[in-house]
């Protein structure tokens, strides 16, 4: 007698494909996170505009 019941079909164990074994690239992980993209999309322009404003203020000549 066999160890497997007759009413259950014999299935092969699932083989891992190359796609499942490859690690997910960093940029794909970054672009798959919508909250991180939202944070970066708000933070970078804000920081650059603040720096630009500071540079503009420091370039104004002093009144005599």
Protein backbone atom coordinates (compact mmCIF):
# COMPACT_ATOMS: atom_id res chain seq x y z
CA UNK A 1 0.00 0.00 0.00
CA UNK A 2 1.17 3.54 -0.72
CA UNK A 3 1.48 6.39 1.74
CA UNK A 4 -0.66 8.82 -0.30
CA UNK A 5 -4.46 8.58 -0.28
CA UNK A 6 -6.02 7.59 -3.59
CA UNK A 7 -8.63 10.35 -3.60
CA UNK A 8 -5.99 13.12 -3.62
CA UNK A 9 -4.18 13.89 -6.89
CA UNK A 10 -0.43 13.67 -6.82
CA UNK A 11 1.10 17.12 -7.25
CA UNK A 12 4.69 18.09 -7.69
CA UNK A 13 6.20 20.57 -5.22
CA UNK A 14 6.28 24.07 -6.64
CA UNK A 15 9.63 25.00 -8.09
CA UNK A 16 10.88 28.53 -7.40
CA UNK A 17 11.39 30.48 -10.60
CA UNK A 18 14.24 32.87 -11.24
CA UNK A 19 11.89 35.84 -10.70
CA UNK A 20 11.01 34.66 -7.19
CA UNK A 21 14.65 34.12 -6.24
CA UNK A 22 15.91 37.53 -7.38
CA UNK A 23 15.93 40.27 -4.74
CA UNK A 24 13.71 43.28 -5.42
CA UNK A 25 15.87 46.21 -6.63
CA UNK A 26 16.14 49.23 -4.33
CA UNK A 27 14.64 51.68 -6.82
CA UNK A 28 11.61 49.43 -7.33
CA UNK A 29 11.07 49.27 -3.57
CA UNK A 30 11.39 53.06 -3.42
CA UNK A 31 8.96 53.70 -6.28
CA UNK A 32 6.45 51.16 -4.93
CA UNK A 33 5.97 53.16 -1.71
CA UNK A 34 3.42 55.96 -2.38
CA UNK A 35 3.78 57.57 1.06
CA UNK A 36 7.54 57.88 0.68
CA UNK A 37 7.04 59.41 -2.77
CA UNK A 38 4.53 61.87 -1.31
CA UNK A 39 6.94 62.79 1.49
CA UNK A 40 9.83 63.29 -0.94
CA UNK A 41 7.63 65.24 -3.37
CA UNK A 42 6.70 67.71 -0.64
CA UNK A 43 10.04 67.84 1.20
CA UNK A 44 12.48 68.39 -1.67
CA UNK A 45 10.73 71.39 -3.26
CA UNK A 46 10.19 72.93 0.19
CA UNK A 47 13.85 72.60 1.12
CA UNK A 48 15.03 73.91 -2.26
CA UNK A 49 12.69 76.93 -2.13
CA UNK A 50 13.85 77.75 1.41
CA UNK A 51 17.51 77.54 0.34
CA UNK A 52 16.76 79.62 -2.76
CA UNK A 53 15.01 82.23 -0.60
CA UNK A 54 17.94 82.42 1.82
CA UNK A 55 20.34 82.89 -1.10
CA UNK A 56 18.12 85.65 -2.53
CA UNK A 57 17.90 87.43 0.84
CA UNK A 58 21.65 87.30 1.37
CA UNK A 59 22.27 88.69 -2.13
CA UNK A 60 20.26 91.88 -1.41
CA UNK A 61 22.70 94.76 -0.91
CA UNK A 62 22.66 96.49 2.47
CA UNK A 63 21.20 100.01 2.67
CA UNK A 64 23.55 102.80 3.70
